[in-house]
Amino acid sequence: MKRILIVGGGGQGHIIHDVLSRDANLREEGIQIAGFLDTRADLAQPEGLDAAVLGNPLDWKVEADDLYIPAIGNPEWRERLLAPLIAQNARFISYTKEAFIAARTMIGQGVYMTPASVASTDCRIHDFCYIDTYVVIGHDVEIGAYSMISAMTFLAGGVRVGKGVWIHPRSVVAKGVRIGDRAVVGIGSVVVKDVPPDVTVFGNPARVISVREGGA
């Protein structure tokens, strides 16, 4: 029997566990939702959640038949915790059931798109991204690996999002804007011009409010 291990036992992990557990197709295929991998071995789980932390992703030994899906909000931590699994050639699944994905849009491995999220035509969503509830992605958008696009965000046509970007809820990114690697967009921001790498922007219009140590 194949099993899915969710990498991250916090809130996102609970969301993914709930969605996967409701999927009758997975049950029919004999795929079991095994539990979580998390650095916090003693992480308490909500009452009624029949799943536990099975191990630490940093020292987990990958087995050939196992499948993995990331559930870590912070892009930096997601990349760090997935690295040992990737090095062992772990098999990551993408889950986009009930999301709307238009023609010619490419979805990488380990991508999770929540139900009610939308990706329009000719987009590229690279590996290990998380696309949250009611996110709308316009045409010809590219989202770099490990990026987190939070709930109710709108990315207009032609937007380019770099690697490891974190866009917080209810943000709007205007047509053709480029967001540099590892940038953070604060909650409810309206981004109307390009964002350099390694900065945090916030506001309407969004302005740089901090620079990551060692960044631009």
C-alpha atoms as a PDB file:
ATOM      1  CA  MET A   1       0.000   0.000   0.000  1.00  0.00           C
ATOM      2  CA  LYS A   2       1.304   3.426  -0.944  1.00  0.00           C
ATOM      3  CA  ARG A   3       1.232   6.121   1.670  1.00  0.00           C
ATOM      4  CA  ILE A   4       1.409   9.911   1.600  1.00  0.00           C
ATOM      5  CA  LEU A   5       3.519  11.723   4.167  1.00  0.00           C
ATOM      6  CA  ILE A   6       2.734  15.383   4.750  1.00  0.00           C
ATOM      7  CA  VAL A   7       5.879  17.436   5.381  1.00  0.00           C
ATOM      8  CA  GLY A   8       4.769  19.891   8.059  1.00  0.00           C
ATOM      9  CA  GLY A   9       2.466  19.110  10.963  1.00  0.00           C
ATOM     10  CA  GLY A  10       1.090  22.583  11.642  1.00  0.00           C
ATOM     11  CA  GLY A  11      -1.917  24.416  10.236  1.00  0.00           C
ATOM     12  CA  GLN A  12      -1.129  23.845   6.562  1.00  0.00           C
ATOM     13  CA  GLY A  13      -0.530  20.186   7.270  1.00  0.00           C
ATOM     14  CA  HIS A  14      -3.945  19.942   8.901  1.00  0.00           C
ATOM     15  CA  ILE A  15      -5.566  21.584   5.869  1.00  0.00           C
ATOM     16  CA  ILE A  16      -3.903  19.192   3.438  1.00  0.00           C
ATOM     17  CA  HIS A  17      -4.677  16.183   5.641  1.00  0.00           C
ATOM     18  CA  ASP A  18      -8.351  17.140   5.709  1.00  0.00           C
ATOM     19  CA  VAL A  19      -8.569  17.603   1.931  1.00  0.00           C
ATOM     20  CA  LEU A  20      -6.696  14.415   1.074  1.00  0.00           C
ATOM     21  CA  SER A  21      -8.684  12.396   3.610  1.00  0.00           C
ATOM     22  CA  ARG A  22     -11.912  13.376   1.840  1.00  0.00           C
ATOM     23  CA  ASP A  23     -10.663  12.238  -1.576  1.00  0.00           C
ATOM     24  CA  ALA A  24     -12.474   9.006  -2.414  1.00  0.00           C
ATOM     25  CA  ASN A  25     -10.177   8.386  -5.391  1.00  0.00           C
ATOM     26  CA  LEU A  26      -7.147   8.104  -3.123  1.00  0.00           C
ATOM     27  CA  ARG A  27      -8.960   5.580  -0.941  1.00  0.00           C
ATOM     28  CA  GLU A  28     -10.017   3.570  -3.990  1.00  0.00           C
ATOM     29  CA  GLU A  29      -6.403   3.501  -5.160  1.00  0.00           C
ATOM     30  CA  GLY A  30      -5.342   2.185  -1.769  1.00  0.00           C
ATOM     31  CA  ILE A  31      -3.320   5.268  -0.890  1.00  0.00           C
ATOM     32  CA  GLN A  32      -3.099   5.919   2.845  1.00  0.00           C
ATOM     33  CA  ILE A  33      -2.580   9.355   4.445  1.00  0.00           C
ATOM     34  CA  ALA A  34       0.092   8.154   6.860  1.00  0.00           C
ATOM     35  CA  GLY A  35       0.871  11.220   8.968  1.00  0.00           C
ATOM     36  CA  PHE A  36       3.272  14.122   9.267  1.00  0.00           C
ATOM     37  CA  LEU A  37       6.985  14.783   9.173  1.00  0.00           C
ATOM     38  CA  ASP A  38       7.955  17.678  11.424  1.00  0.00           C
ATOM     39  CA  THR A  39      11.000  18.864  13.367  1.00  0.00           C
ATOM     40  CA  ARG A  40       8.783  19.096  16.466  1.00  0.00           C
ATOM     41  CA  ALA A  41       8.424  15.492  17.623  1.00  0.00           C
ATOM     42  CA  ASP A  42       6.099  16.483  20.484  1.00  0.00           C
ATOM     43  CA  LEU A  43       3.830  18.672  18.359  1.00  0.00           C
ATOM     44  CA  ALA A  44       0.288  18.381  19.720  1.00  0.00           C
ATOM     45  CA  GLN A  45      -2.434  17.623  17.187  1.00  0.00           C
ATOM     46  CA  PRO A  46      -6.059  18.786  17.377  1.00  0.00           C
ATOM     47  CA  GLU A  47      -8.534  16.496  19.061  1.00  0.00           C
ATOM     48  CA  GLY A  48     -10.070  14.143  16.522  1.00  0.00           C
ATOM     49  CA  LEU A  49      -7.173  14.300  14.059  1.00  0.00           C
ATOM     50  CA  ASP A  50      -6.133  10.698  13.568  1.00  0.00           C
ATOM     51  CA  ALA A  51      -2.563  11.350  12.451  1.00  0.00           C
ATOM     52  CA  ALA A  52       0.730  11.821  14.237  1.00  0.00           C
ATOM     53  CA  VAL A  53       4.227  13.135  13.670  1.00  0.00           C
ATOM     54  CA  LEU A  54       6.108  10.104  12.366  1.00  0.00           C
ATOM     55  CA  GLY A  55       9.570  11.608  12.177  1.00  0.00           C
ATOM     56  CA  ASN A  56      11.828  14.539  11.365  1.00  0.00           C
ATOM     57  CA  PRO A  57      12.254  15.446   7.671  1.00  0.00           C
ATOM     58  CA  LEU A  58      15.879  16.374   8.325  1.00  0.00           C
ATOM     59  CA  ASP A  59      16.837  12.767   9.106  1.00  0.00           C
ATOM     60  CA  TRP A  60      13.987  10.775   7.562  1.00  0.00           C
ATOM     61  CA  LYS A  61      14.929   7.718   5.484  1.00  0.00           C
ATOM     62  CA  VAL A  62      12.966   7.729   2.236  1.00  0.00           C
ATOM     63  CA  GLU A  63      11.281   4.495   1.172  1.00  0.00           C
ATOM     64  CA  ALA A  64      10.679   3.794  -2.502  1.00  0.00           C
ATOM     65  CA  ASP A  65       6.870   3.547  -2.444  1.00  0.00           C
ATOM     66  CA  ASP A  66       6.225   6.578  -0.258  1.00  0.00           C
ATOM     67  CA  LEU A  67       4.807   9.825  -1.611  1.00  0.00           C
ATOM     68  CA  TYR A  68       5.354  13.271  -0.091  1.00  0.00           C
ATOM     69  CA  ILE A  69       3.587  16.622  -0.164  1.00  0.00           C
ATOM     70  CA  PRO A  70       4.906  19.845   1.423  1.00  0.00           C
ATOM     71  CA  ALA A  71       2.824  21.755   3.987  1.00  0.00           C
ATOM     72  CA  ILE A  72       5.146  24.467   5.310  1.00  0.00           C
ATOM     73  CA  GLY A  73       4.146  28.123   5.020  1.00  0.00           C
ATOM     74  CA  ASN A  74       7.511  29.832   5.292  1.00  0.00           C
ATOM     75  CA  PRO A  75       9.315  29.406   1.932  1.00  0.00           C
ATOM     76  CA  GLU A  76      12.776  29.451   3.510  1.00  0.00           C
ATOM     77  CA  TRP A  77      11.856  26.691   5.944  1.00  0.00           C
ATOM     78  CA  ARG A  78      10.093  24.725   3.214  1.00  0.00           C
ATOM     79  CA  GLU A  79      13.229  24.667   1.073  1.00  0.00           C
ATOM     80  CA  ARG A  80      15.415  23.750   4.045  1.00  0.00           C
ATOM     81  CA  LEU A  81      13.221  20.920   5.296  1.00  0.00           C
ATOM     82  CA  LEU A  82      12.598  19.406   1.874  1.00  0.00           C
ATOM     83  CA  ALA A  83      16.276  19.387   0.884  1.00  0.00           C
ATOM     84  CA  PRO A  84      17.197  16.081   2.638  1.00  0.00           C
ATOM     85  CA  LEU A  85      14.177  14.362   1.078  1.00  0.00           C
ATOM     86  CA  ILE A  86      14.977  15.710  -2.384  1.00  0.00           C
ATOM     87  CA  ALA A  87      18.562  14.491  -1.980  1.00  0.00           C
ATOM     88  CA  GLN A  88      17.159  10.971  -1.464  1.00  0.00           C
ATOM     89  CA  ASN A  89      15.008  11.240  -4.619  1.00  0.00           C
ATOM     90  CA  ALA A  90      11.754  11.327  -2.672  1.00  0.00           C
ATOM     91  CA  ARG A  91       8.637  11.309  -4.850  1.00  0.00           C
ATOM     92  CA  PHE A  92       6.586  14.468  -4.371  1.00  0.00           C
ATOM     93  CA  ILE A  93       3.002  14.679  -5.549  1.00  0.00           C
ATOM     94  CA  SER A  94       1.109  17.769  -6.639  1.00  0.00           C
ATOM     95  CA  TYR A  95      -2.500  18.106  -5.576  1.00  0.00           C
ATOM     96  CA  THR A  96      -4.744  20.464  -7.526  1.00  0.00           C
ATOM     97  CA  LYS A  97      -8.099  18.684  -7.454  1.00  0.00           C
ATOM     98  CA  GLU A  98     -11.002  21.173  -7.485  1.00  0.00           C
ATOM     99  CA  ALA A  99      -8.691  24.069  -8.353  1.00  0.00           C
ATOM    100  CA  PHE A 100      -9.361  25.591 -11.788  1.00  0.00           C
ATOM    101  CA  ILE A 101      -6.352  25.254 -14.066  1.00  0.00           C
ATOM    102  CA  ALA A 102      -6.713  26.646 -17.570  1.00  0.00           C
ATOM    103  CA  ALA A 103      -5.131  25.515 -20.825  1.00  0.00           C
ATOM    104  CA  ARG A 104      -1.351  25.190 -21.207  1.00  0.00           C
ATOM    105  CA  THR A 105      -0.614  25.982 -17.583  1.00  0.00           C
ATOM    106  CA  MET A 106       2.332  24.022 -16.200  1.00  0.00           C
ATOM    107  CA  ILE A 107       2.316  22.742 -12.605  1.00  0.00           C
ATOM    108  CA  GLY A 108       5.577  21.492 -11.076  1.00  0.00           C
ATOM    109  CA  GLN A 109       6.068  18.734  -8.511  1.00  0.00           C
ATOM    110  CA  GLY A 110       5.054  19.145  -4.887  1.00  0.00           C
ATOM    111  CA  VAL A 111       2.587  21.946  -5.675  1.00  0.00           C
ATOM    112  CA  TYR A 112      -0.593  22.274  -3.634  1.00  0.00           C
ATOM    113  CA  MET A 113      -3.485  24.371  -4.967  1.00  0.00           C
ATOM    114  CA  THR A 114      -6.454  24.615  -2.656  1.00  0.00           C
ATOM    115  CA  PRO A 115     -10.011  24.138  -3.874  1.00  0.00           C
ATOM    116  CA  ALA A 116     -11.370  27.457  -5.228  1.00  0.00           C
ATOM    117  CA  SER A 117      -7.978  28.701  -6.427  1.00  0.00           C
ATOM    118  CA  VAL A 118      -7.655  29.673 -10.094  1.00  0.00           C
ATOM    119  CA  ALA A 119      -4.734  29.618 -12.521  1.00  0.00           C
ATOM    120  CA  SER A 120      -5.481  31.112 -15.937  1.00  0.00           C
ATOM    121  CA  THR A 121      -3.925  30.207 -19.279  1.00  0.00           C
ATOM    122  CA  ASP A 122      -0.221  29.811 -20.026  1.00  0.00           C
ATOM    123  CA  CYS A 123       1.059  30.027 -16.456  1.00  0.00           C
ATOM    124  CA  ARG A 124       4.077  28.280 -14.962  1.00  0.00           C
ATOM    125  CA  ILE A 125       3.905  27.309 -11.290  1.00  0.00           C
ATOM    126  CA  HIS A 126       7.225  25.795 -10.330  1.00  0.00           C
ATOM    127  CA  ASP A 127       8.035  23.077  -7.801  1.00  0.00           C
ATOM    128  CA  PHE A 128       6.915  23.127  -4.159  1.00  0.00           C
ATOM    129  CA  CYS A 129       4.622  26.168  -4.317  1.00  0.00           C
ATOM    130  CA  TYR A 130       1.525  26.561  -2.162  1.00  0.00           C
ATOM    131  CA  ILE A 131      -1.448  28.367  -3.713  1.00  0.00           C
ATOM    132  CA  ASP A 132      -3.998  29.179  -1.031  1.00  0.00           C
ATOM    133  CA  THR A 133      -7.786  29.559  -1.049  1.00  0.00           C
ATOM    134  CA  TYR A 134      -9.386  32.041  -3.489  1.00  0.00           C
ATOM    135  CA  VAL A 135      -6.080  32.975  -5.087  1.00  0.00           C
ATOM    136  CA  VAL A 136      -6.594  34.141  -8.683  1.00  0.00           C
ATOM    137  CA  ILE A 137      -3.608  33.900 -11.019  1.00  0.00           C
ATOM    138  CA  GLY A 138      -3.951  35.767 -14.307  1.00  0.00           C
ATOM    139  CA  HIS A 139      -2.671  34.677 -17.700  1.00  0.00           C
ATOM    140  CA  ASP A 140       1.039  34.194 -18.437  1.00  0.00           C
ATOM    141  CA  VAL A 141       2.090  34.372 -14.782  1.00  0.00           C
ATOM    142  CA  GLU A 142       5.230  32.589 -13.607  1.00  0.00           C
ATOM    143  CA  ILE A 143       5.715  31.639  -9.936  1.00  0.00           C
ATOM    144  CA  GLY A 144       9.140  30.478  -8.780  1.00  0.00           C
ATOM    145  CA  ALA A 145       9.820  27.366  -6.730  1.00  0.00           C
ATOM    146  CA  TYR A 146       8.957  27.271  -3.006  1.00  0.00           C
ATOM    147  CA  SER A 147       6.790  30.398  -3.165  1.00  0.00           C
ATOM    148  CA  MET A 148       3.770  30.861  -0.916  1.00  0.00           C
ATOM    149  CA  ILE A 149       0.776  32.722  -2.386  1.00  0.00           C
ATOM    150  CA  SER A 150      -1.645  33.337   0.469  1.00  0.00           C
ATOM    151  CA  ALA A 151      -5.438  33.479   0.475  1.00  0.00           C
ATOM    152  CA  MET A 152      -7.412  35.949  -1.645  1.00  0.00           C
ATOM    153  CA  THR A 153      -4.379  37.249  -3.521  1.00  0.00           C
ATOM    154  CA  PHE A 154      -4.717  38.410  -7.140  1.00  0.00           C
ATOM    155  CA  LEU A 155      -1.806  38.224  -9.568  1.00  0.00           C
ATOM    156  CA  ALA A 156      -2.569  40.076 -12.799  1.00  0.00           C
ATOM    157  CA  GLY A 157      -1.440  38.934 -16.237  1.00  0.00           C
ATOM    158  CA  GLY A 158       2.254  38.632 -16.941  1.00  0.00           C
ATOM    159  CA  VAL A 159       3.410  38.844 -13.310  1.00  0.00           C
ATOM    160  CA  ARG A 160       6.751  37.194 -12.520  1.00  0.00           C
ATOM    161  CA  VAL A 161       7.212  35.908  -8.969  1.00  0.00           C
ATOM    162  CA  GLY A 162      10.710  34.777  -8.033  1.00  0.00           C
ATOM    163  CA  LYS A 163      11.885  31.800  -6.021  1.00  0.00           C
ATOM    164  CA  GLY A 164      10.970  31.599  -2.337  1.00  0.00           C
ATOM    165  CA  VAL A 165       8.594  34.577  -2.369  1.00  0.00           C
ATOM    166  CA  TRP A 166       5.926  34.965   0.323  1.00  0.00           C
ATOM    167  CA  ILE A 167       2.842  36.961  -0.657  1.00  0.00           C
ATOM    168  CA  HIS A 168       0.533  37.472   2.299  1.00  0.00           C
ATOM    169  CA  PRO A 169      -3.307  37.442   2.132  1.00  0.00           C
ATOM    170  CA  ARG A 170      -5.450  39.873   0.151  1.00  0.00           C
ATOM    171  CA  SER A 171      -2.550  41.305  -1.821  1.00  0.00           C
ATOM    172  CA  VAL A 172      -2.836  42.541  -5.410  1.00  0.00           C
ATOM    173  CA  VAL A 173       0.055  42.506  -7.857  1.00  0.00           C
ATOM    174  CA  ALA A 174      -0.429  44.653 -10.978  1.00  0.00           C
ATOM    175  CA  LYS A 175       0.053  43.486 -14.541  1.00  0.00           C
ATOM    176  CA  GLY A 176       3.614  42.720 -15.582  1.00  0.00           C
ATOM    177  CA  VAL A 177       5.200  43.388 -12.175  1.00  0.00           C
ATOM    178  CA  ARG A 178       8.297  41.373 -11.235  1.00  0.00           C
ATOM    179  CA  ILE A 179       8.885  40.265  -7.645  1.00  0.00           C
ATOM    180  CA  GLY A 180      12.456  39.267  -6.827  1.00  0.00           C
ATOM    181  CA  ASP A 181      13.621  36.084  -5.144  1.00  0.00           C
ATOM    182  CA  ARG A 182      12.884  35.738  -1.420  1.00  0.00           C
ATOM    183  CA  ALA A 183      10.837  38.946  -1.293  1.00  0.00           C
ATOM    184  CA  VAL A 184       7.894  39.271   1.120  1.00  0.00           C
ATOM    185  CA  VAL A 185       4.679  41.142   0.296  1.00  0.00           C
ATOM    186  CA  GLY A 186       2.805  42.223   3.419  1.00  0.00           C
ATOM    187  CA  ILE A 187      -0.875  41.582   4.019  1.00  0.00           C
ATOM    188  CA  GLY A 188      -3.283  43.567   1.872  1.00  0.00           C
ATOM    189  CA  SER A 189      -0.572  45.261  -0.198  1.00  0.00           C
ATOM    190  CA  VAL A 190      -1.069  46.653  -3.697  1.00  0.00           C
ATOM    191  CA  VAL A 191       2.111  46.130  -5.687  1.00  0.00           C
ATOM    192  CA  VAL A 192       2.308  48.402  -8.740  1.00  0.00           C
ATOM    193  CA  LYS A 193       6.051  48.347  -9.475  1.00  0.00           C
ATOM    194  CA  ASP A 194       8.853  45.798  -9.459  1.00  0.00           C
ATOM    195  CA  VAL A 195      10.073  44.490  -6.092  1.00  0.00           C
ATOM    196  CA  PRO A 196      13.803  43.782  -5.612  1.00  0.00           C
ATOM    197  CA  PRO A 197      15.007  40.474  -4.163  1.00  0.00           C
ATOM    198  CA  ASP A 198      15.296  40.061  -0.383  1.00  0.00           C
ATOM    199  CA  VAL A 199      13.035  42.943   0.643  1.00  0.00           C
ATOM    200  CA  THR A 200       9.709  43.232   2.427  1.00  0.00           C
ATOM    201  CA  VAL A 201       7.129  45.581   0.920  1.00  0.00           C
ATOM    202  CA  PHE A 202       3.860  46.722   2.440  1.00  0.00           C
ATOM    203  CA  GLY A 203       1.059  49.193   1.802  1.00  0.00           C
ATOM    204  CA  ASN A 204      -0.997  50.756  -0.985  1.00  0.00           C
ATOM    205  CA  PRO A 205       0.996  51.352  -3.058  1.00  0.00           C
ATOM    206  CA  ALA A 206       3.526  48.887  -1.636  1.00  0.00           C
ATOM    207  CA  ARG A 207       6.823  50.353  -0.453  1.00  0.00           C
ATOM    208  CA  VAL A 208       9.998  48.749   0.872  1.00  0.00           C
ATOM    209  CA  ILE A 209       9.853  48.591   4.676  1.00  0.00           C
ATOM    210  CA  SER A 210      12.814  46.296   5.371  1.00  0.00           C
ATOM    211  CA  VAL A 211      15.739  44.571   3.685  1.00  0.00           C
ATOM    212  CA  ARG A 212      16.820  41.060   4.495  1.00  0.00           C
ATOM    213  CA  GLU A 213      20.290  40.842   6.040  1.00  0.00           C
ATOM    214  CA  GLY A 214      22.739  40.307   3.221  1.00  0.00           C
ATOM    215  CA  GLY A 215      20.104  41.291   0.660  1.00  0.00           C
ATOM    216  CA  ALA A 216      19.713  44.212  -1.717  1.00  0.00           C
END
